[in-house]
Structure formats: structure tokens, C-alpha cells
Amino acid sequence: MILQSEDPKQQHQIRECIPTRKRYKAGELVNWELDNKRIWQNCWYINPETGAAEKAWVQAVEFTGKVVAVS
């Protein structure tokens, strides 16, 4: 999943790839929750802006955030 930060204190929006087994829809606002017992190893993804395969992470914990609103 690709998360985009919506923090008004940040000058630019940060996008981050993060592993999850949950299903989300584009535009949903989620809270930040992680399951530190589930560790994902090396992963690649297709960048939706460029279509290129890119390294997503070497190791990451699983994202388990709940939907709080739809934008």
C-alpha cells in the first residue's frame, strides 16, 4: 500500500510504501497503527506514477490502520 501523509505541518506530502494484508480504497483516511509482530522482508512494487519497478523496503512492520474517513 502507498500511504500519503496529510499532515498540514509538513511543507510537502510524503509518500511511503508499507506492507498490509487489509484492503483499502484510494482516498480513504486512515489512522497510523502497526503490528510489530508481523515483519515483512524485501519487497518491490510498481510505481504508479512512472510504471517502474522500485524497491519498497528491506524490512518493515505490517500496517493495520483503521479507516477514519473518506476524502
PDB file of N, CA and C in Angstrom:
ATOM      1  N   MET A   1       0.848  -1.156   0.000  1.00  0.00           N
ATOM      2  CA  MET A   1       0.000   0.000   0.000  1.00  0.00           C
ATOM      3  C   MET A   1       0.897   1.222   0.000  1.00  0.00           C
ATOM      4  N   ILE A   2       0.435   2.282  -0.655  1.00  0.00           N
ATOM      5  CA  ILE A   2       1.179   3.545  -0.648  1.00  0.00           C
ATOM      6  C   ILE A   2       0.384   4.532   0.200  1.00  0.00           C
ATOM      7  N   LEU A   3       1.013   5.000   1.273  1.00  0.00           N
ATOM      8  CA  LEU A   3       0.389   5.989   2.152  1.00  0.00           C
ATOM      9  C   LEU A   3       0.925   7.366   1.801  1.00  0.00           C
ATOM     10  N   GLN A   4       0.052   8.354   1.860  1.00  0.00           N
ATOM     11  CA  GLN A   4       0.468   9.736   1.640  1.00  0.00           C
ATOM     12  C   GLN A   4       0.115  10.530   2.881  1.00  0.00           C
ATOM     13  N   SER A   5       1.107  11.188   3.462  1.00  0.00           N
ATOM     14  CA  SER A   5       0.897  11.981   4.666  1.00  0.00           C
ATOM     15  C   SER A   5       0.061  13.209   4.358  1.00  0.00           C
ATOM     16  N   GLU A   6      -0.886  13.506   5.239  1.00  0.00           N
ATOM     17  CA  GLU A   6      -1.745  14.681   5.086  1.00  0.00           C
ATOM     18  C   GLU A   6      -1.527  15.646   6.246  1.00  0.00           C
ATOM     19  N   ASP A   7      -0.330  15.642   6.811  1.00  0.00           N
ATOM     20  CA  ASP A   7      -0.021  16.493   7.951  1.00  0.00           C
ATOM     21  C   ASP A   7       0.153  17.944   7.486  1.00  0.00           C
ATOM     22  N   PRO A   8      -0.709  18.865   7.933  1.00  0.00           N
ATOM     23  CA  PRO A   8      -0.607  20.252   7.480  1.00  0.00           C
ATOM     24  C   PRO A   8       0.674  20.948   7.932  1.00  0.00           C
ATOM     25  N   LYS A   9       1.380  20.384   8.910  1.00  0.00           N
ATOM     26  CA  LYS A   9       2.630  20.975   9.394  1.00  0.00           C
ATOM     27  C   LYS A   9       3.791  20.720   8.430  1.00  0.00           C
ATOM     28  N   GLN A  10       3.655  19.732   7.552  1.00  0.00           N
ATOM     29  CA  GLN A  10       4.719  19.404   6.611  1.00  0.00           C
ATOM     30  C   GLN A  10       4.584  20.250   5.351  1.00  0.00           C
ATOM     31  N   GLN A  11       5.717  20.684   4.817  1.00  0.00           N
ATOM     32  CA  GLN A  11       5.705  21.538   3.636  1.00  0.00           C
ATOM     33  C   GLN A  11       5.381  20.750   2.365  1.00  0.00           C
ATOM     34  N   HIS A  12       5.721  19.479   2.330  1.00  0.00           N
ATOM     35  CA  HIS A  12       5.387  18.652   1.173  1.00  0.00           C
ATOM     36  C   HIS A  12       4.824  17.326   1.661  1.00  0.00           C
ATOM     37  N   GLN A  13       4.024  16.704   0.817  1.00  0.00           N
ATOM     38  CA  GLN A  13       3.391  15.442   1.191  1.00  0.00           C
ATOM     39  C   GLN A  13       4.375  14.296   0.996  1.00  0.00           C
ATOM     40  N   ILE A  14       4.493  13.451   2.010  1.00  0.00           N
ATOM     41  CA  ILE A  14       5.394  12.310   1.967  1.00  0.00           C
ATOM     42  C   ILE A  14       4.601  11.075   1.567  1.00  0.00           C
ATOM     43  N   ARG A  15       5.134  10.302   0.625  1.00  0.00           N
ATOM     44  CA  ARG A  15       4.523   9.023   0.234  1.00  0.00           C
ATOM     45  C   ARG A  15       5.427   7.900   0.699  1.00  0.00           C
ATOM     46  N   GLU A  16       4.798   6.870   1.236  1.00  0.00           N
ATOM     47  CA  GLU A  16       5.567   5.745   1.768  1.00  0.00           C
ATOM     48  C   GLU A  16       4.871   4.432   1.415  1.00  0.00           C
ATOM     49  N   CYS A  17       5.644   3.472   0.941  1.00  0.00           N
ATOM     50  CA  CYS A  17       5.131   2.119   0.702  1.00  0.00           C
ATOM     51  C   CYS A  17       5.211   1.360   2.012  1.00  0.00           C
ATOM     52  N   ILE A  18       4.152   0.648   2.327  1.00  0.00           N
ATOM     53  CA  ILE A  18       4.113  -0.079   3.596  1.00  0.00           C
ATOM     54  C   ILE A  18       3.298  -1.360   3.412  1.00  0.00           C
ATOM     55  N   PRO A  19       3.721  -2.458   4.047  1.00  0.00           N
ATOM     56  CA  PRO A  19       3.000  -3.717   3.868  1.00  0.00           C
ATOM     57  C   PRO A  19       1.713  -3.776   4.682  1.00  0.00           C
ATOM     58  N   THR A  20       0.696  -4.403   4.101  1.00  0.00           N
ATOM     59  CA  THR A  20      -0.566  -4.628   4.801  1.00  0.00           C
ATOM     60  C   THR A  20      -1.276  -5.813   4.156  1.00  0.00           C
ATOM     61  N   ARG A  21      -2.103  -6.483   4.929  1.00  0.00           N
ATOM     62  CA  ARG A  21      -2.948  -7.552   4.391  1.00  0.00           C
ATOM     63  C   ARG A  21      -4.391  -7.089   4.298  1.00  0.00           C
ATOM     64  N   LYS A  22      -4.656  -5.857   4.779  1.00  0.00           N
ATOM     65  CA  LYS A  22      -6.008  -5.310   4.732  1.00  0.00           C
ATOM     66  C   LYS A  22      -6.270  -4.694   3.362  1.00  0.00           C
ATOM     67  N   ARG A  23      -7.549  -4.535   3.022  1.00  0.00           N
ATOM     68  CA  ARG A  23      -7.965  -3.908   1.754  1.00  0.00           C
ATOM     69  C   ARG A  23      -8.411  -2.477   2.031  1.00  0.00           C
ATOM     70  N   TYR A  24      -7.808  -1.556   1.335  1.00  0.00           N
ATOM     71  CA  TYR A  24      -8.175  -0.151   1.437  1.00  0.00           C
ATOM     72  C   TYR A  24      -8.533   0.356   0.043  1.00  0.00           C
ATOM     73  N   LYS A  25      -9.232   1.490  -0.004  1.00  0.00           N
ATOM     74  CA  LYS A  25      -9.578   2.125  -1.274  1.00  0.00           C
ATOM     75  C   LYS A  25      -8.882   3.477  -1.346  1.00  0.00           C
ATOM     76  N   ALA A  26      -8.549   3.895  -2.553  1.00  0.00           N
ATOM     77  CA  ALA A  26      -7.928   5.204  -2.747  1.00  0.00           C
ATOM     78  C   ALA A  26      -8.815   6.284  -2.144  1.00  0.00           C
ATOM     79  N   GLY A  27      -8.194   7.218  -1.440  1.00  0.00           N
ATOM     80  CA  GLY A  27      -8.923   8.336  -0.857  1.00  0.00           C
ATOM     81  C   GLY A  27      -9.371   8.128   0.575  1.00  0.00           C
ATOM     82  N   GLU A  28      -9.243   6.915   1.103  1.00  0.00           N
ATOM     83  CA  GLU A  28      -9.619   6.691   2.497  1.00  0.00           C
ATOM     84  C   GLU A  28      -8.557   7.303   3.412  1.00  0.00           C
ATOM     85  N   LEU A  29      -9.018   7.918   4.485  1.00  0.00           N
ATOM     86  CA  LEU A  29      -8.114   8.444   5.501  1.00  0.00           C
ATOM     87  C   LEU A  29      -8.017   7.399   6.600  1.00  0.00           C
ATOM     88  N   VAL A  30      -6.797   7.077   6.991  1.00  0.00           N
ATOM     89  CA  VAL A  30      -6.579   6.014   7.979  1.00  0.00           C
ATOM     90  C   VAL A  30      -5.737   6.530   9.134  1.00  0.00           C
ATOM     91  N   ASN A  31      -5.912   5.896  10.292  1.00  0.00           N
ATOM     92  CA  ASN A  31      -5.033   6.239  11.406  1.00  0.00           C
ATOM     93  C   ASN A  31      -3.774   5.384  11.304  1.00  0.00           C
ATOM     94  N   TRP A  32      -2.751   5.748  12.036  1.00  0.00           N
ATOM     95  CA  TRP A  32      -1.456   5.097  11.949  1.00  0.00           C
ATOM     96  C   TRP A  32      -1.366   4.015  13.021  1.00  0.00           C
ATOM     97  N   GLU A  33      -1.538   2.750  12.599  1.00  0.00           N
ATOM     98  CA  GLU A  33      -1.404   1.611  13.506  1.00  0.00           C
ATOM     99  C   GLU A  33      -0.525   0.573  12.838  1.00  0.00           C
ATOM    100  N   LEU A  34       0.359  -0.032  13.619  1.00  0.00           N
ATOM    101  CA  LEU A  34       1.279  -1.046  13.105  1.00  0.00           C
ATOM    102  C   LEU A  34       1.207  -2.292  13.963  1.00  0.00           C
ATOM    103  N   ASP A  35       1.471  -3.436  13.346  1.00  0.00           N
ATOM    104  CA  ASP A  35       1.582  -4.704  14.069  1.00  0.00           C
ATOM    105  C   ASP A  35       3.055  -5.087  14.064  1.00  0.00           C
ATOM    106  N   ASN A  36       3.756  -4.763  15.151  1.00  0.00           N
ATOM    107  CA  ASN A  36       5.201  -5.020  15.194  1.00  0.00           C
ATOM    108  C   ASN A  36       5.558  -6.496  15.369  1.00  0.00           C
ATOM    109  N   LYS A  37       4.555  -7.360  15.428  1.00  0.00           N
ATOM    110  CA  LYS A  37       4.826  -8.804  15.481  1.00  0.00           C
ATOM    111  C   LYS A  37       4.903  -9.404  14.079  1.00  0.00           C
ATOM    112  N   ARG A  38       4.448  -8.642  13.070  1.00  0.00           N
ATOM    113  CA  ARG A  38       4.490  -9.100  11.677  1.00  0.00           C
ATOM    114  C   ARG A  38       5.539  -8.298  10.924  1.00  0.00           C
ATOM    115  N   ILE A  39       6.638  -8.942  10.597  1.00  0.00           N
ATOM    116  CA  ILE A  39       7.738  -8.299   9.885  1.00  0.00           C
ATOM    117  C   ILE A  39       7.767  -8.810   8.449  1.00  0.00           C
ATOM    118  N   TRP A  40       7.799  -7.902   7.504  1.00  0.00           N
ATOM    119  CA  TRP A  40       7.885  -8.231   6.079  1.00  0.00           C
ATOM    120  C   TRP A  40       9.306  -7.961   5.612  1.00  0.00           C
ATOM    121  N   GLN A  41       9.838  -8.872   4.828  1.00  0.00           N
ATOM    122  CA  GLN A  41      11.196  -8.731   4.297  1.00  0.00           C
ATOM    123  C   GLN A  41      11.156  -8.081   2.913  1.00  0.00           C
ATOM    124  N   ASN A  42      12.273  -8.073   2.219  1.00  0.00           N
ATOM    125  CA  ASN A  42      12.438  -7.429   0.911  1.00  0.00           C
ATOM    126  C   ASN A  42      11.183  -7.460   0.050  1.00  0.00           C
ATOM    127  N   CYS A  43      10.832  -6.305  -0.513  1.00  0.00           N
ATOM    128  CA  CYS A  43       9.664  -6.230  -1.377  1.00  0.00           C
ATOM    129  C   CYS A  43       9.859  -5.141  -2.429  1.00  0.00           C
ATOM    130  N   TRP A  44       9.289  -5.382  -3.590  1.00  0.00           N
ATOM    131  CA  TRP A  44       9.300  -4.436  -4.699  1.00  0.00           C
ATOM    132  C   TRP A  44       7.866  -4.074  -5.036  1.00  0.00           C
ATOM    133  N   TYR A  45       7.671  -2.950  -5.712  1.00  0.00           N
ATOM    134  CA  TYR A  45       6.342  -2.546  -6.161  1.00  0.00           C
ATOM    135  C   TYR A  45       6.463  -1.803  -7.488  1.00  0.00           C
ATOM    136  N   ILE A  46       5.352  -1.637  -8.163  1.00  0.00           N
ATOM    137  CA  ILE A  46       5.314  -0.856  -9.396  1.00  0.00           C
ATOM    138  C   ILE A  46       4.881   0.561  -9.037  1.00  0.00           C
ATOM    139  N   ASN A  47       5.750   1.526  -9.284  1.00  0.00           N
ATOM    140  CA  ASN A  47       5.443   2.920  -9.002  1.00  0.00           C
ATOM    141  C   ASN A  47       4.300   3.358  -9.917  1.00  0.00           C
ATOM    142  N   PRO A  48       3.160   3.788  -9.350  1.00  0.00           N
ATOM    143  CA  PRO A  48       2.013   4.144 -10.183  1.00  0.00           C
ATOM    144  C   PRO A  48       2.246   5.384 -11.049  1.00  0.00           C
ATOM    145  N   GLU A  49       3.200   6.222 -10.675  1.00  0.00           N
ATOM    146  CA  GLU A  49       3.473   7.435 -11.450  1.00  0.00           C
ATOM    147  C   GLU A  49       4.404   7.175 -12.633  1.00  0.00           C
ATOM    148  N   THR A  50       5.362   6.237 -12.452  1.00  0.00           N
ATOM    149  CA  THR A  50       6.357   6.002 -13.507  1.00  0.00           C
ATOM    150  C   THR A  50       6.187   4.662 -14.202  1.00  0.00           C
ATOM    151  N   GLY A  51       5.491   3.705 -13.543  1.00  0.00           N
ATOM    152  CA  GLY A  51       5.356   2.362 -14.093  1.00  0.00           C
ATOM    153  C   GLY A  51       6.586   1.510 -13.893  1.00  0.00           C
ATOM    154  N   ALA A  52       7.598   2.047 -13.217  1.00  0.00           N
ATOM    155  CA  ALA A  52       8.856   1.333 -12.993  1.00  0.00           C
ATOM    156  C   ALA A  52       8.797   0.503 -11.715  1.00  0.00           C
ATOM    157  N   ALA A  53       9.489  -0.653 -11.737  1.00  0.00           N
ATOM    158  CA  ALA A  53       9.623  -1.470 -10.536  1.00  0.00           C
ATOM    159  C   ALA A  53      10.658  -0.798  -9.624  1.00  0.00           C
ATOM    160  N   GLU A  54      10.303  -0.633  -8.349  1.00  0.00           N
ATOM    161  CA  GLU A  54      11.186   0.013  -7.385  1.00  0.00           C
ATOM    162  C   GLU A  54      11.199  -0.774  -6.085  1.00  0.00           C
ATOM    163  N   LYS A  55      12.282  -0.665  -5.352  1.00  0.00           N
ATOM    164  CA  LYS A  55      12.390  -1.312  -4.046  1.00  0.00           C
ATOM    165  C   LYS A  55      11.454  -0.593  -3.078  1.00  0.00           C
ATOM    166  N   ALA A  56      10.575  -1.324  -2.417  1.00  0.00           N
ATOM    167  CA  ALA A  56       9.641  -0.734  -1.457  1.00  0.00           C
ATOM    168  C   ALA A  56      10.269  -0.672  -0.066  1.00  0.00           C
ATOM    169  N   TRP A  57      10.867  -1.783   0.362  1.00  0.00           N
ATOM    170  CA  TRP A  57      11.517  -1.831   1.662  1.00  0.00           C
ATOM    171  C   TRP A  57      12.421  -3.047   1.745  1.00  0.00           C
ATOM    172  N   VAL A  58      13.314  -3.014   2.704  1.00  0.00           N
ATOM    173  CA  VAL A  58      14.161  -4.162   3.015  1.00  0.00           C
ATOM    174  C   VAL A  58      13.509  -4.948   4.142  1.00  0.00           C
ATOM    175  N   GLN A  59      12.985  -4.216   5.127  1.00  0.00           N
ATOM    176  CA  GLN A  59      12.265  -4.827   6.235  1.00  0.00           C
ATOM    177  C   GLN A  59      11.271  -3.800   6.760  1.00  0.00           C
ATOM    178  N   ALA A  60      10.041  -4.228   7.015  1.00  0.00           N
ATOM    179  CA  ALA A  60       9.018  -3.308   7.507  1.00  0.00           C
ATOM    180  C   ALA A  60       7.998  -4.062   8.340  1.00  0.00           C
ATOM    181  N   VAL A  61       7.385  -3.352   9.286  1.00  0.00           N
ATOM    182  CA  VAL A  61       6.299  -3.943  10.065  1.00  0.00           C
ATOM    183  C   VAL A  61       4.989  -3.723   9.316  1.00  0.00           C
ATOM    184  N   GLU A  62       4.015  -4.553   9.608  1.00  0.00           N
ATOM    185  CA  GLU A  62       2.742  -4.508   8.897  1.00  0.00           C
ATOM    186  C   GLU A  62       1.860  -3.354   9.360  1.00  0.00           C
ATOM    187  N   PHE A  63       1.269  -2.650   8.390  1.00  0.00           N
ATOM    188  CA  PHE A  63       0.332  -1.569   8.674  1.00  0.00           C
ATOM    189  C   PHE A  63      -1.051  -2.165   8.908  1.00  0.00           C
ATOM    190  N   THR A  64      -1.736  -1.717   9.982  1.00  0.00           N
ATOM    191  CA  THR A  64      -3.060  -2.241  10.316  1.00  0.00           C
ATOM    192  C   THR A  64      -4.065  -1.123  10.602  1.00  0.00           C
ATOM    193  N   GLY A  65      -3.799   0.080  10.116  1.00  0.00           N
ATOM    194  CA  GLY A  65      -4.638   1.242  10.399  1.00  0.00           C
ATOM    195  C   GLY A  65      -6.096   1.050  10.066  1.00  0.00           C
ATOM    196  N   LYS A  66      -6.937   1.758  10.795  1.00  0.00           N
ATOM    197  CA  LYS A  66      -8.381   1.722  10.583  1.00  0.00           C
ATOM    198  C   LYS A  66      -8.797   2.935   9.752  1.00  0.00           C
ATOM    199  N   VAL A  67      -9.793   2.750   8.894  1.00  0.00           N
ATOM    200  CA  VAL A  67     -10.333   3.848   8.106  1.00  0.00           C
ATOM    201  C   VAL A  67     -11.093   4.770   9.055  1.00  0.00           C
ATOM    202  N   VAL A  68     -10.769   6.072   9.012  1.00  0.00           N
ATOM    203  CA  VAL A  68     -11.433   7.032   9.872  1.00  0.00           C
ATOM    204  C   VAL A  68     -12.333   7.992   9.090  1.00  0.00           C
ATOM    205  N   ALA A  69     -12.095   8.106   7.783  1.00  0.00           N
ATOM    206  CA  ALA A  69     -12.915   8.982   6.919  1.00  0.00           C
ATOM    207  C   ALA A  69     -12.591   8.694   5.465  1.00  0.00           C
ATOM    208  N   VAL A  70     -13.430   9.193   4.592  1.00  0.00           N
ATOM    209  CA  VAL A  70     -13.194   9.087   3.151  1.00  0.00           C
ATOM    210  C   VAL A  70     -13.119  10.510   2.614  1.00  0.00           C
ATOM    211  N   SER A  71     -12.052  10.789   1.857  1.00  0.00           N
ATOM    212  CA  SER A  71     -11.903  12.159   1.346  1.00  0.00           C
ATOM    213  C   SER A  71     -12.631  12.332   0.037  1.00  0.00           C
TER     214      SER A  71
END
